[in-house]
Amino acid sequence: MVKVLIPTPLQKYTGDRATVEVEAATVAELIDALETSCPGIKNRICDDSGKVRRFLNIYVKEEDIRFLNNTETPLSDGDEVSIVPAVAGG
């Protein structure tokens, strides 16, 4: 199982849970597993082409998946995945 930390804006899809556990071997599988258990969440995470939206960052063990293998980043049992909305400002 992989523990997923859900940001507050997406918790309405998880029944107000801040963490969800799913079984997945890659980040892509994790997103699909989240959609199965929390319908509607995938459209908030991915755009129409299936890519992670620009304003979201996904971290596996504190590493940004954009610097790993994106959604093909492998996951292991016990990993912690964080979905973090991008913060902009000036």
C-alpha atoms as a PDB file:
ATOM      1  CA  MET A   1       0.000   0.000   0.000  1.00  0.00           C
ATOM      2  CA  VAL A   2       1.059   3.561  -0.744  1.00  0.00           C
ATOM      3  CA  LYS A   3       0.010   6.463   1.467  1.00  0.00           C
ATOM      4  CA  VAL A   4      -1.215   9.517  -0.448  1.00  0.00           C
ATOM      5  CA  LEU A   5      -1.341  12.933   1.223  1.00  0.00           C
ATOM      6  CA  ILE A   6      -4.308  14.830  -0.194  1.00  0.00           C
ATOM      7  CA  PRO A   7      -4.354  18.670  -0.204  1.00  0.00           C
ATOM      8  CA  THR A   8      -7.364  20.404   1.328  1.00  0.00           C
ATOM      9  CA  PRO A   9      -8.916  21.515  -2.017  1.00  0.00           C
ATOM     10  CA  LEU A  10      -9.114  17.867  -3.170  1.00  0.00           C
ATOM     11  CA  GLN A  11     -10.409  16.413   0.089  1.00  0.00           C
ATOM     12  CA  LYS A  12     -14.021  16.879  -1.012  1.00  0.00           C
ATOM     13  CA  TYR A  13     -13.344  13.916  -3.351  1.00  0.00           C
ATOM     14  CA  THR A  14     -11.906  11.766  -0.556  1.00  0.00           C
ATOM     15  CA  GLY A  15     -14.717  12.210   1.946  1.00  0.00           C
ATOM     16  CA  ASP A  16     -12.692  14.886   3.760  1.00  0.00           C
ATOM     17  CA  ARG A  17      -9.776  12.512   4.356  1.00  0.00           C
ATOM     18  CA  ALA A  18      -6.296  14.055   4.329  1.00  0.00           C
ATOM     19  CA  THR A  19      -4.691  10.675   3.598  1.00  0.00           C
ATOM     20  CA  VAL A  20      -5.749   7.791   1.390  1.00  0.00           C
ATOM     21  CA  GLU A  21      -4.021   4.444   0.955  1.00  0.00           C
ATOM     22  CA  VAL A  22      -4.013   2.700  -2.417  1.00  0.00           C
ATOM     23  CA  GLU A  23      -2.186  -0.137  -4.093  1.00  0.00           C
ATOM     24  CA  ALA A  24      -0.113   0.997  -7.069  1.00  0.00           C
ATOM     25  CA  ALA A  25       3.212   0.200  -8.736  1.00  0.00           C
ATOM     26  CA  THR A  26       3.586   3.585 -10.477  1.00  0.00           C
ATOM     27  CA  VAL A  27       2.268   7.112 -10.052  1.00  0.00           C
ATOM     28  CA  ALA A  28      -0.018   6.572 -13.072  1.00  0.00           C
ATOM     29  CA  GLU A  29      -1.526   3.507 -11.377  1.00  0.00           C
ATOM     30  CA  LEU A  30      -1.861   5.524  -8.162  1.00  0.00           C
ATOM     31  CA  ILE A  31      -3.885   8.214  -9.962  1.00  0.00           C
ATOM     32  CA  ASP A  32      -6.149   5.538 -11.471  1.00  0.00           C
ATOM     33  CA  ALA A  33      -6.554   3.850  -8.072  1.00  0.00           C
ATOM     34  CA  LEU A  34      -7.466   7.201  -6.521  1.00  0.00           C
ATOM     35  CA  GLU A  35     -10.106   7.708  -9.208  1.00  0.00           C
ATOM     36  CA  THR A  36     -11.587   4.281  -8.456  1.00  0.00           C
ATOM     37  CA  SER A  37     -11.903   4.987  -4.730  1.00  0.00           C
ATOM     38  CA  CYS A  38     -12.529   8.758  -5.022  1.00  0.00           C
ATOM     39  CA  PRO A  39     -14.515   9.418  -8.232  1.00  0.00           C
ATOM     40  CA  GLY A  40     -13.827  12.788  -9.854  1.00  0.00           C
ATOM     41  CA  ILE A  41     -10.368  13.328  -8.376  1.00  0.00           C
ATOM     42  CA  LYS A  42      -8.439  12.325 -11.523  1.00  0.00           C
ATOM     43  CA  ASN A  43      -9.901  15.228 -13.525  1.00  0.00           C
ATOM     44  CA  ARG A  44      -8.550  17.585 -10.869  1.00  0.00           C
ATOM     45  CA  ILE A  45      -5.083  15.990 -10.948  1.00  0.00           C
ATOM     46  CA  CYS A  46      -4.685  15.393 -14.695  1.00  0.00           C
ATOM     47  CA  ASP A  47      -5.540  17.424 -17.775  1.00  0.00           C
ATOM     48  CA  ASP A  48      -7.473  16.067 -20.780  1.00  0.00           C
ATOM     49  CA  SER A  49      -4.329  14.460 -22.201  1.00  0.00           C
ATOM     50  CA  GLY A  50      -3.668  12.575 -18.944  1.00  0.00           C
ATOM     51  CA  LYS A  51      -0.697  14.671 -17.855  1.00  0.00           C
ATOM     52  CA  VAL A  52      -0.428  16.030 -14.318  1.00  0.00           C
ATOM     53  CA  ARG A  53      -1.780  19.568 -14.300  1.00  0.00           C
ATOM     54  CA  ARG A  54       0.822  22.354 -14.318  1.00  0.00           C
ATOM     55  CA  PHE A  55      -0.345  23.794 -11.012  1.00  0.00           C
ATOM     56  CA  LEU A  56       0.055  20.507  -9.121  1.00  0.00           C
ATOM     57  CA  ASN A  57       3.267  18.918  -7.946  1.00  0.00           C
ATOM     58  CA  ILE A  58       3.485  15.262  -6.989  1.00  0.00           C
ATOM     59  CA  TYR A  59       6.259  14.066  -4.722  1.00  0.00           C
ATOM     60  CA  VAL A  60       7.348  10.498  -4.053  1.00  0.00           C
ATOM     61  CA  LYS A  61       9.417  10.308  -0.884  1.00  0.00           C
ATOM     62  CA  GLU A  62       9.951  14.094  -1.117  1.00  0.00           C
ATOM     63  CA  GLU A  63      11.239  13.907  -4.731  1.00  0.00           C
ATOM     64  CA  ASP A  64       9.309  15.778  -7.441  1.00  0.00           C
ATOM     65  CA  ILE A  65       8.174  13.251 -10.064  1.00  0.00           C
ATOM     66  CA  ARG A  66       9.062  15.766 -12.792  1.00  0.00           C
ATOM     67  CA  PHE A  67      12.716  15.072 -11.957  1.00  0.00           C
ATOM     68  CA  LEU A  68      12.135  11.316 -11.809  1.00  0.00           C
ATOM     69  CA  ASN A  69      10.063   9.402 -14.376  1.00  0.00           C
ATOM     70  CA  ASN A  70       6.903  11.551 -14.187  1.00  0.00           C
ATOM     71  CA  THR A  71       3.818   9.343 -13.911  1.00  0.00           C
ATOM     72  CA  GLU A  72       5.922   6.255 -14.661  1.00  0.00           C
ATOM     73  CA  THR A  73       7.862   6.792 -11.416  1.00  0.00           C
ATOM     74  CA  PRO A  74       7.856   3.427  -9.622  1.00  0.00           C
ATOM     75  CA  LEU A  75       6.309   3.056  -6.183  1.00  0.00           C
ATOM     76  CA  SER A  76       7.097   0.589  -3.420  1.00  0.00           C
ATOM     77  CA  ASP A  77       5.006  -0.675  -0.556  1.00  0.00           C
ATOM     78  CA  GLY A  78       5.090   1.901   2.226  1.00  0.00           C
ATOM     79  CA  ASP A  79       5.978   4.881   0.017  1.00  0.00           C
ATOM     80  CA  GLU A  80       4.454   8.247   0.802  1.00  0.00           C
ATOM     81  CA  VAL A  81       3.162  10.343  -2.085  1.00  0.00           C
ATOM     82  CA  SER A  82       2.255  14.014  -1.640  1.00  0.00           C
ATOM     83  CA  ILE A  83       0.003  15.969  -3.976  1.00  0.00           C
ATOM     84  CA  VAL A  84       0.881  19.623  -3.520  1.00  0.00           C
ATOM     85  CA  PRO A  85      -0.794  22.597  -5.199  1.00  0.00           C
ATOM     86  CA  ALA A  86       1.787  24.943  -6.695  1.00  0.00           C
ATOM     87  CA  VAL A  87       2.191  28.232  -4.872  1.00  0.00           C
ATOM     88  CA  ALA A  88       2.880  31.415  -6.779  1.00  0.00           C
ATOM     89  CA  GLY A  89       3.322  34.903  -5.553  1.00  0.00           C
ATOM     90  CA  GLY A  90       5.508  37.873  -5.575  1.00  0.00           C
END
